[in-house]
N, C-alpha and C. Protein backbone atom coordinates (compact mmCIF):
# COMPACT_ATOMS: atom_id res chain seq x y z
N UNK A 1 -62.28 -25.49 36.59
CA UNK A 1 -61.25 -25.70 35.48
C UNK A 1 -59.90 -25.71 36.00
N UNK A 2 -59.09 -26.37 36.14
CA UNK A 2 -57.76 -26.45 36.34
C UNK A 2 -56.52 -26.43 35.17
N UNK A 3 -55.94 -25.76 35.15
CA UNK A 3 -54.75 -25.52 34.02
C UNK A 3 -53.47 -25.75 34.75
N UNK A 4 -52.85 -26.24 33.50
CA UNK A 4 -51.25 -26.55 33.82
C UNK A 4 -50.05 -25.55 32.52
N UNK A 5 -49.04 -25.39 33.29
CA UNK A 5 -48.27 -24.59 32.13
C UNK A 5 -47.93 -25.47 31.25
N UNK A 6 -47.95 -25.00 29.82
CA UNK A 6 -47.09 -26.08 28.55
C UNK A 6 -46.11 -26.59 28.97
N UNK A 7 -45.52 -27.89 28.99
CA UNK A 7 -44.65 -28.22 29.00
C UNK A 7 -43.79 -27.79 30.71
N UNK A 8 -44.88 -27.82 31.56
CA UNK A 8 -44.42 -27.83 32.95
C UNK A 8 -43.52 -28.29 33.60
N UNK A 9 -43.76 -29.86 33.71
CA UNK A 9 -42.79 -30.63 34.02
C UNK A 9 -42.08 -31.08 33.19
N UNK A 10 -41.48 -30.85 32.18
CA UNK A 10 -40.36 -30.91 31.33
C UNK A 10 -39.26 -30.27 31.57
N UNK A 11 -39.68 -28.83 32.35
CA UNK A 11 -38.60 -27.53 32.23
C UNK A 11 -38.61 -27.43 33.87
N UNK A 12 -39.68 -28.02 35.10
CA UNK A 12 -39.14 -27.40 36.25
C UNK A 12 -39.25 -28.84 36.86
N UNK A 13 -38.18 -28.74 37.86
CA UNK A 13 -37.53 -29.90 38.52
C UNK A 13 -37.61 -29.36 39.96
N UNK A 14 -38.49 -29.93 40.95
CA UNK A 14 -38.45 -29.53 42.55
C UNK A 14 -38.61 -30.43 43.20
N UNK A 15 -38.04 -30.96 44.44
CA UNK A 15 -38.67 -31.46 45.26
C UNK A 15 -39.74 -31.55 45.84
N UNK A 16 -39.76 -30.42 46.28
CA UNK A 16 -41.13 -30.24 47.05
C UNK A 16 -42.06 -28.54 46.14
N UNK A 17 -43.40 -28.37 46.82
CA UNK A 17 -43.96 -28.07 45.89
C UNK A 17 -43.67 -26.24 46.86
N UNK A 18 -43.94 -24.97 46.30
CA UNK A 18 -43.58 -23.65 46.54
C UNK A 18 -42.65 -23.38 46.73
N UNK A 19 -41.70 -23.76 45.63
CA UNK A 19 -40.42 -23.31 45.95
C UNK A 19 -40.15 -21.92 46.07
N UNK A 20 -38.38 -21.67 46.58
CA UNK A 20 -38.59 -19.81 46.71
C UNK A 20 -38.48 -19.20 45.16
N UNK A 21 -37.82 -19.96 44.27
CA UNK A 21 -38.09 -19.28 42.87
C UNK A 21 -38.07 -20.78 41.82
N UNK A 22 -38.70 -20.25 40.53
CA UNK A 22 -38.61 -20.96 39.45
C UNK A 22 -37.81 -20.90 38.08
N UNK A 23 -37.78 -21.42 37.36
CA UNK A 23 -36.99 -21.28 36.51
C UNK A 23 -37.48 -20.25 35.31
N UNK A 24 -37.23 -19.35 34.64
CA UNK A 24 -37.70 -18.72 33.49
C UNK A 24 -36.41 -18.24 32.36
N UNK A 25 -36.72 -19.64 31.52
CA UNK A 25 -35.91 -19.61 30.47
C UNK A 25 -35.70 -18.56 29.15
N UNK A 26 -34.52 -18.15 29.17
CA UNK A 26 -34.43 -16.91 28.39
C UNK A 26 -34.43 -16.73 26.97
N UNK A 27 -34.69 -18.14 26.57
CA UNK A 27 -35.20 -18.32 24.73
C UNK A 27 -36.79 -17.57 25.29
N UNK A 28 -37.54 -17.77 25.79
CA UNK A 28 -38.71 -16.63 25.91
C UNK A 28 -38.77 -15.53 25.22
N UNK A 29 -37.54 -14.83 25.41
CA UNK A 29 -37.15 -13.74 24.16
C UNK A 29 -37.54 -13.70 23.08
N UNK A 30 -37.20 -14.84 22.59
CA UNK A 30 -37.07 -14.94 21.04
C UNK A 30 -38.32 -16.10 20.49
N UNK A 31 -39.39 -16.56 21.69
CA UNK A 31 -40.45 -16.95 21.10
C UNK A 31 -41.56 -15.99 20.84
N UNK A 32 -41.62 -16.36 19.24
CA UNK A 32 -42.70 -15.08 18.59
C UNK A 32 -44.22 -15.58 18.97
N UNK A 33 -44.79 -16.35 19.33
CA UNK A 33 -45.84 -16.61 19.90
C UNK A 33 -46.16 -16.02 21.29
N UNK A 34 -44.86 -16.14 22.19
CA UNK A 34 -45.12 -15.37 23.06
C UNK A 34 -45.07 -13.99 23.31
N UNK A 35 -44.20 -13.55 22.52
CA UNK A 35 -43.81 -11.60 22.36
C UNK A 35 -45.08 -11.21 21.25
N UNK A 36 -45.69 -12.02 20.55
CA UNK A 36 -46.75 -11.48 19.97
C UNK A 36 -47.92 -11.40 20.97
N UNK A 37 -47.60 -12.06 22.25
CA UNK A 37 -49.33 -11.92 22.89
C UNK A 37 -49.75 -10.41 23.37
N UNK A 38 -50.79 -10.18 23.84
CA UNK A 38 -51.23 -9.11 24.17
C UNK A 38 -50.11 -8.52 25.59
N UNK A 39 -50.07 -6.96 25.89
CA UNK A 39 -49.02 -6.86 27.32
C UNK A 39 -49.79 -7.55 28.24
N UNK A 40 -51.29 -7.68 28.17
CA UNK A 40 -51.89 -7.80 29.45
C UNK A 40 -51.62 -9.34 29.67
N UNK A 41 -51.54 -10.36 28.45
CA UNK A 41 -50.84 -12.00 28.72
C UNK A 41 -49.36 -12.13 29.25
N UNK A 42 -48.64 -11.25 28.51
CA UNK A 42 -47.45 -11.57 28.78
C UNK A 42 -47.01 -10.91 30.68
N UNK A 43 -47.94 -10.33 30.70
CA UNK A 43 -47.29 -9.56 32.08
C UNK A 43 -48.41 -10.85 33.41
N UNK A 44 -49.28 -11.44 32.82
CA UNK A 44 -49.68 -12.40 33.80
C UNK A 44 -49.33 -13.79 33.94
N UNK A 45 -48.50 -14.18 32.75
CA UNK A 45 -48.13 -15.17 32.86
C UNK A 45 -46.77 -15.71 33.83
N UNK A 46 -46.41 -14.89 34.01
CA UNK A 46 -45.44 -15.41 35.14
C UNK A 46 -45.76 -15.75 36.13
N UNK A 47 -46.98 -14.63 36.53
CA UNK A 47 -47.66 -14.96 37.79
C UNK A 47 -48.51 -16.20 37.99
N UNK A 48 -49.20 -16.58 36.70
CA UNK A 48 -49.37 -18.18 36.66
C UNK A 48 -48.60 -19.23 37.00
N UNK A 49 -47.61 -18.88 36.41
CA UNK A 49 -46.26 -19.86 36.62
C UNK A 49 -45.98 -20.25 37.87
N UNK A 50 -45.84 -18.73 38.80
CA UNK A 50 -45.56 -19.28 40.47
C UNK A 50 -46.54 -19.75 40.98
N UNK A 51 -47.99 -19.50 40.16
CA UNK A 51 -49.47 -20.61 41.12
C UNK A 51 -48.63 -21.71 41.19
N UNK A 52 -48.65 -21.87 39.56
CA UNK A 52 -48.56 -23.33 39.40
C UNK A 52 -47.33 -24.07 40.22
N UNK A 53 -46.43 -23.08 40.75
CA UNK A 53 -45.73 -24.21 41.21
C UNK A 53 -45.67 -24.51 42.94
N UNK A 54 -47.03 -23.74 43.58
CA UNK A 54 -47.56 -24.25 44.64
C UNK A 54 -47.79 -25.55 44.84
N UNK A 55 -48.30 -26.18 43.46
CA UNK A 55 -49.03 -27.84 43.79
C UNK A 55 -47.77 -28.62 43.06
N UNK A 56 -48.38 -29.88 43.60
CA UNK A 56 -47.12 -31.08 43.38
C UNK A 56 -47.07 -31.19 41.63
N UNK A 57 -48.45 -31.20 41.34
CA UNK A 57 -48.43 -31.49 39.59
C UNK A 57 -48.03 -30.15 39.01
N UNK A 58 -48.40 -28.78 39.09
CA UNK A 58 -48.32 -27.95 38.56
C UNK A 58 -49.20 -27.33 37.86
N UNK A 59 -50.52 -27.88 38.66
CA UNK A 59 -52.20 -27.18 38.04
C UNK A 59 -52.11 -26.28 39.19
N UNK A 60 -53.11 -25.44 38.70
CA UNK A 60 -53.86 -24.58 39.82
C UNK A 60 -55.35 -24.01 39.29
N UNK A 61 -55.98 -23.89 40.29
CA UNK A 61 -57.49 -23.44 40.41
C UNK A 61 -57.38 -22.05 39.32
N UNK A 62 -58.33 -22.51 38.00
CA UNK A 62 -58.22 -21.34 36.72
C UNK A 62 -59.70 -20.79 36.96
N UNK A 63 -60.18 -20.59 37.64
CA UNK A 63 -61.35 -19.87 38.21
C UNK A 63 -61.34 -18.14 38.16
N UNK A 64 -61.64 -17.78 37.34
CA UNK A 64 -61.50 -16.05 37.06
C UNK A 64 -61.46 -15.42 38.44
N UNK A 65 -62.55 -15.68 39.54
CA UNK A 65 -62.64 -15.18 40.63
C UNK A 65 -61.61 -15.69 41.58
N UNK A 66 -61.07 -16.61 41.83
CA UNK A 66 -60.31 -17.41 42.45
C UNK A 66 -58.69 -16.39 41.94
N UNK A 67 -58.57 -16.83 40.96
CA UNK A 67 -57.22 -15.77 39.99
C UNK A 67 -57.48 -14.30 40.61
N UNK A 68 -58.32 -13.80 40.26
CA UNK A 68 -58.52 -12.31 40.46
C UNK A 68 -57.85 -11.86 41.94
N UNK A 69 -58.22 -12.88 43.01
CA UNK A 69 -58.18 -12.48 44.48
C UNK A 69 -56.81 -13.07 44.59
N UNK A 70 -56.41 -13.93 44.20
CA UNK A 70 -54.84 -14.64 44.25
C UNK A 70 -53.86 -13.47 43.69
N UNK A 71 -53.86 -12.87 42.59
CA UNK A 71 -53.07 -12.25 41.65
C UNK A 71 -53.42 -10.69 42.22
N UNK A 72 -55.03 -10.21 42.95
CA UNK A 72 -54.97 -9.18 43.23
C UNK A 72 -54.98 -7.73 41.96
N UNK A 73 -55.89 -8.40 41.39
CA UNK A 73 -56.44 -7.70 39.76
C UNK A 73 -57.69 -7.98 40.13
N UNK A 74 -58.38 -7.09 38.81
CA UNK A 74 -59.53 -7.30 38.58
C UNK A 74 -59.96 -8.29 37.81
N UNK A 75 -61.22 -8.98 37.68
CA UNK A 75 -61.62 -10.30 36.85
C UNK A 75 -61.90 -9.85 35.63
N UNK A 76 -61.86 -8.68 35.21
CA UNK A 76 -61.36 -7.95 33.61
C UNK A 76 -60.78 -8.07 32.98
N UNK A 77 -59.33 -7.78 33.97
CA UNK A 77 -57.86 -7.77 33.81
C UNK A 77 -57.25 -9.42 33.87
N UNK A 78 -57.93 -10.31 34.76
CA UNK A 78 -57.38 -11.82 34.68
C UNK A 78 -57.57 -12.55 33.33
N UNK A 79 -59.54 -12.08 33.22
CA UNK A 79 -60.01 -12.43 31.84
C UNK A 79 -59.13 -12.32 30.39
N UNK A 80 -59.07 -10.81 30.04
CA UNK A 80 -58.64 -10.94 29.00
C UNK A 80 -56.94 -11.22 28.76
N UNK A 81 -56.43 -11.26 30.00
CA UNK A 81 -54.99 -11.82 29.96
C UNK A 81 -55.20 -13.42 29.72
N UNK A 82 -56.01 -14.10 30.54
CA UNK A 82 -55.97 -15.73 30.40
C UNK A 82 -56.06 -16.17 28.87
N UNK A 83 -57.23 -15.62 28.56
CA UNK A 83 -57.50 -16.07 26.94
C UNK A 83 -56.54 -16.74 26.19
N UNK A 84 -55.26 -15.59 26.21
CA UNK A 84 -54.86 -15.23 24.85
C UNK A 84 -53.96 -16.75 25.48
N UNK A 85 -53.34 -17.08 26.38
CA UNK A 85 -52.46 -17.72 26.66
C UNK A 85 -53.16 -19.17 26.66
N UNK A 86 -54.42 -19.03 26.70
CA UNK A 86 -55.47 -20.86 26.75
C UNK A 86 -55.15 -20.72 25.09
N UNK A 87 -55.83 -19.94 24.48
CA UNK A 87 -55.64 -19.74 22.76
C UNK A 87 -54.76 -19.94 22.25
N UNK A 88 -53.74 -19.77 22.58
CA UNK A 88 -51.82 -19.90 21.74
C UNK A 88 -51.24 -21.07 22.61
N UNK A 89 -51.73 -22.03 23.75
CA UNK A 89 -51.60 -22.98 23.89
C UNK A 89 -50.26 -23.01 25.32
N UNK A 90 -50.41 -22.24 25.77
CA UNK A 90 -49.30 -21.71 26.65
C UNK A 90 -50.04 -22.34 28.21
N UNK A 91 -51.08 -22.52 28.49
CA UNK A 91 -51.73 -22.71 29.91
C UNK A 91 -52.59 -23.87 28.93
N UNK A 92 -52.83 -25.32 29.52
CA UNK A 92 -53.95 -26.15 28.98
C UNK A 92 -54.30 -26.81 29.98
N UNK A 93 -55.76 -27.51 29.83
CA UNK A 93 -56.63 -28.29 30.48
C UNK A 93 -55.51 -29.24 31.33
N UNK A 94 -55.59 -29.14 32.76
CA UNK A 94 -54.81 -30.07 33.59
C UNK A 94 -55.22 -31.34 33.19
N UNK A 95 -56.51 -32.03 33.29
CA UNK A 95 -57.27 -33.03 33.09
C UNK A 95 -56.76 -34.19 32.20
N UNK A 96 -56.40 -33.16 31.12
CA UNK A 96 -55.63 -34.03 29.81
C UNK A 96 -54.24 -33.71 29.48
N UNK A 97 -53.77 -33.14 30.11
CA UNK A 97 -52.51 -33.11 30.39
C UNK A 97 -51.51 -33.66 31.73
N UNK A 98 -51.84 -34.04 32.79
CA UNK A 98 -51.49 -34.21 33.65
C UNK A 98 -50.87 -36.03 33.62
N UNK A 99 -51.43 -37.10 32.74
CA UNK A 99 -50.75 -38.17 32.54
C UNK A 99 -49.40 -38.25 31.61
N UNK A 100 -49.72 -37.37 30.72
CA UNK A 100 -48.40 -37.63 29.15
C UNK A 100 -47.28 -36.58 30.48
N UNK A 101 -47.63 -35.75 31.09
CA UNK A 101 -47.00 -35.15 31.83
C UNK A 101 -46.01 -35.69 32.56
N UNK A 102 -46.72 -36.47 33.35
CA UNK A 102 -45.98 -37.73 34.47
C UNK A 102 -44.89 -38.47 33.68
N UNK A 103 -44.94 -38.86 32.41
CA UNK A 103 -44.18 -39.41 31.80
C UNK A 103 -42.82 -38.71 31.38
N UNK A 104 -42.86 -37.51 30.98
CA UNK A 104 -41.94 -36.28 30.73
C UNK A 104 -41.30 -35.67 31.82
N UNK A 105 -41.75 -36.02 33.11
CA UNK A 105 -41.42 -35.59 34.10
C UNK A 105 -40.15 -36.19 34.92
N UNK A 106 -38.88 -36.00 35.07
CA UNK A 106 -37.81 -36.57 35.51
C UNK A 106 -36.90 -35.40 36.53
N UNK A 107 -36.46 -36.19 37.14
CA UNK A 107 -35.46 -35.18 38.09
C UNK A 107 -34.39 -35.22 37.60
N UNK A 108 -33.39 -34.40 38.10
CA UNK A 108 -32.40 -33.87 37.09
C UNK A 108 -31.21 -35.11 37.84
N UNK A 109 -30.16 -35.24 37.06
CA UNK A 109 -29.30 -36.39 37.70
C UNK A 109 -28.23 -35.97 37.37
N UNK A 110 -27.45 -36.42 38.11
CA UNK A 110 -26.01 -35.89 38.77
C UNK A 110 -24.86 -35.28 37.58
N UNK A 111 -25.11 -36.02 36.12
CA UNK A 111 -24.03 -35.62 35.55
C UNK A 111 -24.92 -33.79 34.94
N UNK A 112 -26.20 -33.97 34.83
CA UNK A 112 -26.95 -32.75 34.37
C UNK A 112 -26.47 -31.79 35.14
N UNK A 113 -26.51 -32.28 36.40
CA UNK A 113 -26.44 -30.54 37.44
C UNK A 113 -24.48 -30.39 37.56
N UNK A 114 -24.01 -31.58 37.27
CA UNK A 114 -22.70 -31.29 37.29
C UNK A 114 -22.19 -30.50 35.79
N UNK A 115 -22.76 -30.57 34.81
CA UNK A 115 -22.75 -30.24 33.69
C UNK A 115 -23.37 -28.73 33.27
N UNK A 116 -24.41 -28.23 34.54
CA UNK A 116 -24.81 -26.97 34.54
C UNK A 116 -23.69 -26.37 35.86
N UNK A 117 -23.44 -26.89 36.41
CA UNK A 117 -22.84 -26.09 37.37
C UNK A 117 -21.03 -25.87 36.74
N UNK A 118 -20.46 -26.66 36.07
CA UNK A 118 -19.39 -26.35 35.14
C UNK A 118 -19.62 -25.37 34.15
N UNK A 119 -20.97 -25.33 33.68
CA UNK A 119 -21.09 -24.18 32.60
C UNK A 119 -20.57 -22.74 33.58
N UNK A 120 -21.68 -22.76 34.34
CA UNK A 120 -21.59 -21.60 35.08
C UNK A 120 -20.50 -21.05 35.83
N UNK A 121 -19.64 -22.19 35.97
CA UNK A 121 -18.41 -21.62 36.68
C UNK A 121 -17.21 -21.29 35.98
N UNK A 122 -17.80 -21.80 34.49
CA UNK A 122 -16.95 -21.03 33.42
C UNK A 122 -16.45 -19.61 33.47
N UNK A 123 -15.26 -19.31 33.21
CA UNK A 123 -15.02 -18.06 33.63
C UNK A 123 -14.59 -17.48 31.81
N UNK A 124 -15.71 -15.96 31.57
CA UNK A 124 -15.30 -15.17 30.51
C UNK A 124 -14.07 -14.30 30.54
N UNK A 125 -12.95 -15.01 29.72
CA UNK A 125 -11.67 -13.91 29.87
C UNK A 125 -11.64 -12.89 28.79
N UNK A 126 -11.27 -11.95 28.86
CA UNK A 126 -11.07 -11.09 27.81
C UNK A 126 -9.62 -10.28 27.67
N UNK A 127 -8.70 -10.76 26.60
CA UNK A 127 -7.58 -10.57 26.81
C UNK A 127 -7.20 -9.49 25.74
N UNK A 128 -8.21 -8.94 25.12
CA UNK A 128 -8.09 -7.38 24.40
C UNK A 128 -8.55 -6.27 24.82
N UNK A 129 -7.94 -5.51 24.81
CA UNK A 129 -8.23 -4.33 25.69
C UNK A 129 -9.20 -3.34 24.03
N UNK A 130 -9.65 -2.46 24.94
CA UNK A 130 -10.84 -1.60 24.53
C UNK A 130 -10.47 -0.76 23.03
N UNK A 131 -10.60 -0.98 21.95
CA UNK A 131 -10.11 0.07 21.11
C UNK A 131 -10.65 1.62 21.31
N UNK A 132 -9.44 2.27 20.88
CA UNK A 132 -9.87 3.94 21.36
C UNK A 132 -10.93 4.50 20.80
N UNK A 133 -11.48 3.59 19.90
CA UNK A 133 -12.63 4.80 19.30
C UNK A 133 -13.98 4.00 19.56
N UNK A 134 -13.82 3.18 20.61
CA UNK A 134 -15.29 2.72 21.44
C UNK A 134 -15.42 3.12 22.63
N UNK A 135 -16.56 3.64 22.60
CA UNK A 135 -17.23 4.07 23.90
C UNK A 135 -17.12 3.57 25.23
N UNK A 136 -16.79 3.49 26.26
CA UNK A 136 -16.74 2.56 27.44
C UNK A 136 -17.94 1.96 27.45
N UNK A 137 -18.85 3.12 27.72
CA UNK A 137 -20.22 1.66 28.13
C UNK A 137 -20.80 0.81 27.10
N UNK A 138 -20.64 1.47 25.82
CA UNK A 138 -20.97 0.59 24.75
C UNK A 138 -19.63 -0.78 24.85
N UNK A 139 -18.69 -0.39 24.99
CA UNK A 139 -17.48 -1.80 24.84
C UNK A 139 -18.00 -2.86 26.31
N UNK A 140 -18.71 -2.05 27.18
CA UNK A 140 -19.10 -2.95 28.31
C UNK A 140 -20.22 -3.88 27.82
N UNK A 141 -21.27 -3.02 27.57
CA UNK A 141 -22.47 -3.54 26.88
C UNK A 141 -21.76 -5.24 25.76
N UNK A 142 -20.90 -4.33 24.97
CA UNK A 142 -20.98 -5.35 24.20
C UNK A 142 -20.37 -6.86 24.73
N UNK A 143 -19.08 -6.38 25.94
CA UNK A 143 -18.70 -7.77 26.03
C UNK A 143 -19.43 -8.43 27.19
N UNK A 144 -20.54 -7.90 27.83
CA UNK A 144 -21.44 -8.53 28.39
C UNK A 144 -22.74 -9.19 27.25
N UNK A 145 -22.78 -8.40 25.93
CA UNK A 145 -23.17 -9.12 25.25
C UNK A 145 -22.68 -10.99 24.82
N UNK A 146 -21.55 -10.25 24.54
CA UNK A 146 -20.71 -11.95 23.96
C UNK A 146 -20.93 -12.75 24.89
N UNK A 147 -20.39 -12.55 26.21
CA UNK A 147 -20.74 -13.35 27.45
C UNK A 147 -21.96 -14.06 27.67
N UNK A 148 -22.86 -13.49 27.29
CA UNK A 148 -24.47 -14.03 27.52
C UNK A 148 -24.55 -15.06 26.18
N UNK A 149 -23.68 -14.60 25.12
CA UNK A 149 -23.87 -15.42 24.05
C UNK A 149 -22.75 -16.82 24.12
N UNK A 150 -21.86 -16.61 25.10
CA UNK A 150 -21.02 -17.75 24.91
C UNK A 150 -19.65 -17.37 23.71
N UNK A 151 -20.06 -16.10 23.16
CA UNK A 151 -18.92 -16.08 22.31
C UNK A 151 -17.46 -15.20 22.68
N UNK A 152 -16.49 -15.86 21.53
CA UNK A 152 -15.39 -14.87 22.40
C UNK A 152 -14.64 -13.92 21.90
N UNK A 153 -13.88 -13.17 22.19
CA UNK A 153 -13.56 -11.83 22.42
C UNK A 153 -11.94 -11.91 21.90
N UNK A 154 -11.80 -11.61 20.37
CA UNK A 154 -10.38 -11.74 19.73
C UNK A 154 -9.97 -10.47 19.29
N UNK A 155 -8.93 -10.07 18.74
CA UNK A 155 -8.69 -9.23 17.83
C UNK A 155 -8.92 -9.98 16.00
N UNK A 156 -8.78 -10.86 15.95
CA UNK A 156 -9.89 -10.93 14.56
C UNK A 156 -11.13 -10.83 14.61
N UNK A 157 -11.56 -11.07 15.73
CA UNK A 157 -13.37 -10.58 15.80
C UNK A 157 -13.21 -8.77 15.68
N UNK A 158 -12.71 -8.36 16.13
CA UNK A 158 -12.75 -6.72 16.40
C UNK A 158 -12.65 -6.38 15.06
N UNK A 159 -11.38 -7.16 14.33
CA UNK A 159 -10.80 -6.69 13.27
C UNK A 159 -12.44 -6.91 12.07
N UNK A 160 -13.01 -8.03 12.26
CA UNK A 160 -13.97 -8.56 11.67
C UNK A 160 -14.62 -7.51 10.95
N UNK A 161 -15.59 -6.82 12.61
CA UNK A 161 -16.56 -6.03 12.88
C UNK A 161 -16.19 -4.32 12.00
N UNK A 162 -14.95 -4.23 12.39
CA UNK A 162 -14.69 -2.77 11.91
C UNK A 162 -14.58 -2.92 10.01
N UNK A 163 -13.85 -3.91 9.82
CA UNK A 163 -13.91 -3.97 8.21
C UNK A 163 -15.53 -3.76 7.64
N UNK A 164 -16.29 -4.56 7.98
CA UNK A 164 -17.47 -4.92 7.87
C UNK A 164 -18.38 -3.50 7.87
N UNK A 165 -17.97 -2.89 9.10
CA UNK A 165 -18.79 -1.69 9.57
C UNK A 165 -18.15 -0.45 8.47
N UNK A 166 -16.91 -0.24 8.10
CA UNK A 166 -16.87 0.34 7.53
C UNK A 166 -17.09 0.64 6.36
N UNK A 167 -17.46 -0.54 5.30
CA UNK A 167 -18.17 -1.00 4.16
C UNK A 167 -19.46 0.58 3.76
N UNK A 168 -20.05 0.16 5.39
CA UNK A 168 -21.09 1.36 5.05
C UNK A 168 -21.20 2.50 5.67
N UNK A 169 -19.95 2.88 5.98
CA UNK A 169 -19.51 4.04 6.66
C UNK A 169 -19.76 4.23 8.31
N UNK A 170 -20.10 2.93 8.67
CA UNK A 170 -20.10 3.13 10.28
C UNK A 170 -19.13 2.62 11.34
N UNK A 171 -18.85 3.55 12.10
CA UNK A 171 -18.21 3.44 12.89
C UNK A 171 -18.14 1.96 13.72
N UNK A 172 -16.81 1.31 14.44
CA UNK A 172 -16.53 0.30 14.93
C UNK A 172 -17.94 0.47 16.34
N UNK A 173 -17.57 1.79 17.00
CA UNK A 173 -18.59 1.76 18.03
C UNK A 173 -19.78 1.45 17.93
N UNK A 174 -20.68 2.38 16.94
CA UNK A 174 -22.00 2.29 16.07
C UNK A 174 -22.34 0.56 16.23
N UNK A 175 -21.11 -0.02 15.17
CA UNK A 175 -21.50 -1.24 15.06
C UNK A 175 -21.90 -2.23 16.24
N UNK A 176 -20.82 -1.93 16.87
CA UNK A 176 -21.22 -3.06 18.73
C UNK A 176 -22.38 -2.57 19.47
N UNK A 177 -22.74 -1.46 19.17
CA UNK A 177 -24.18 -1.03 19.50
C UNK A 177 -24.91 -1.35 19.15
N UNK A 178 -25.05 -1.34 17.72
CA UNK A 178 -26.11 -2.24 16.94
C UNK A 178 -26.14 -3.51 17.16
N UNK A 179 -24.83 -4.49 17.49
CA UNK A 179 -24.96 -5.86 17.70
C UNK A 179 -25.38 -6.00 18.93
N UNK A 180 -25.51 -5.19 19.91
CA UNK A 180 -26.29 -5.11 21.27
C UNK A 180 -27.81 -5.23 21.19
N UNK A 181 -28.32 -4.34 20.17
CA UNK A 181 -29.79 -3.70 20.31
C UNK A 181 -30.05 -4.29 19.44
N UNK A 182 -29.90 -5.73 18.19
CA UNK A 182 -30.26 -6.65 17.67
C UNK A 182 -30.13 -7.46 17.90
N UNK A 183 -29.06 -8.36 19.29
CA UNK A 183 -28.53 -9.37 19.83
C UNK A 183 -28.10 -10.28 18.41
N UNK A 184 -27.15 -9.27 17.70
CA UNK A 184 -26.40 -9.69 16.88
C UNK A 184 -25.13 -10.66 17.52
N UNK A 185 -24.96 -11.98 16.89
CA UNK A 185 -23.38 -12.41 17.52
C UNK A 185 -22.38 -11.82 16.70
N UNK A 186 -22.30 -11.64 15.32
CA UNK A 186 -21.61 -11.30 14.09
C UNK A 186 -21.90 -9.66 13.49
N UNK A 187 -21.36 -9.36 12.69
CA UNK A 187 -21.66 -8.18 12.31
C UNK A 187 -21.23 -8.63 10.49
N UNK A 188 -22.57 -7.94 9.56
CA UNK A 188 -22.14 -8.19 8.45
C UNK A 188 -22.56 -6.26 7.97
N UNK A 189 -22.02 -6.09 6.80
CA UNK A 189 -22.11 -4.86 6.10
C UNK A 189 -23.88 -4.93 5.73
N UNK A 190 -24.23 -6.28 4.73
CA UNK A 190 -24.83 -6.44 4.30
C UNK A 190 -26.58 -6.70 5.06
N UNK A 191 -26.44 -6.90 6.53
CA UNK A 191 -27.39 -6.67 7.18
C UNK A 191 -27.78 -5.59 7.71
N UNK A 192 -27.66 -4.62 7.53
CA UNK A 192 -27.92 -3.35 7.47
C UNK A 192 -28.21 -2.56 6.23
N UNK A 193 -29.63 -2.50 5.96
CA UNK A 193 -30.37 -2.46 5.12
C UNK A 193 -29.63 -0.91 4.49
N UNK A 194 -29.73 0.20 5.14
CA UNK A 194 -29.31 1.64 4.19
C UNK A 194 -28.09 1.94 5.15
N UNK A 195 -26.82 2.57 3.93
CA UNK A 195 -26.03 3.43 4.98
C UNK A 195 -26.17 4.26 5.84
N UNK A 196 -25.30 4.38 6.81
CA UNK A 196 -25.38 5.08 7.86
C UNK A 196 -24.51 6.39 7.73
N UNK A 197 -25.26 7.39 7.53
CA UNK A 197 -24.76 8.70 6.90
C UNK A 197 -24.74 9.59 8.26
N UNK A 198 -25.72 9.81 8.91
CA UNK A 198 -26.17 10.25 10.05
C UNK A 198 -25.21 9.74 11.32
N UNK A 199 -24.30 10.46 11.82
CA UNK A 199 -23.80 9.90 12.84
C UNK A 199 -23.24 11.04 14.32
N UNK A 200 -23.53 11.18 15.18
CA UNK A 200 -23.09 12.30 15.82
C UNK A 200 -21.77 12.17 16.25
N UNK A 201 -21.37 13.25 17.12
CA UNK A 201 -20.04 13.06 17.53
C UNK A 201 -19.20 11.96 18.43
N UNK A 202 -20.24 11.60 18.87
CA UNK A 202 -19.68 10.25 19.77
C UNK A 202 -19.59 9.05 18.29
N UNK A 203 -19.84 9.15 17.41
CA UNK A 203 -19.95 7.91 16.56
C UNK A 203 -21.16 7.07 16.59
N UNK A 204 -22.43 7.66 17.20
CA UNK A 204 -23.65 6.79 17.44
C UNK A 204 -24.26 7.16 15.85
N UNK A 205 -24.76 6.23 15.74
CA UNK A 205 -26.19 6.78 14.45
C UNK A 205 -27.15 7.57 15.25
N UNK A 206 -27.86 8.36 14.40
CA UNK A 206 -28.75 9.29 14.61
C UNK A 206 -29.98 8.90 13.98
N UNK A 207 -30.95 8.41 14.85
CA UNK A 207 -32.06 7.82 14.48
C UNK A 207 -33.27 9.14 14.28
């Protein structure tokens, strides 16, 4: 049997097979179905996507023996990792998907390429100085987090976070760190279930 990744043609556009790289979308981190898969399945999935990129249509030989040889893994490891991926629809039988996929497949237009290029070239400008009560490392991590979310950094934003965190006895430093860890763009006191009573000398929450 030959398998093909779900929505492969819709998200991967190549002029030739065997490209030097494939697209790995960040939204995968928020895909609950994928993140709930066994570790073996999450580990083997990127390797299978690379195999799919070798063919023109995204399909690959899914024989356990063949995959074990290509991936340099034991047959039992391949089988245990592959089954949940198939059961949850991340890889499907190529014979039932190739025809519909051909209709979905389309090369990126010039406008799409131009739009993506402009997005990449957009600079993230920070005109706000680091608050004195925020650790340098936390500040750097928080700025990178804001940049990844395409969220601005202003005095108003920082003031809002400071006001909300003070309601539950949390420092601005600890609030910014929590925003990075929990992938939050904003911060509301009610989002933190329990007041933060234990903080260390650096203002970090003691877990």
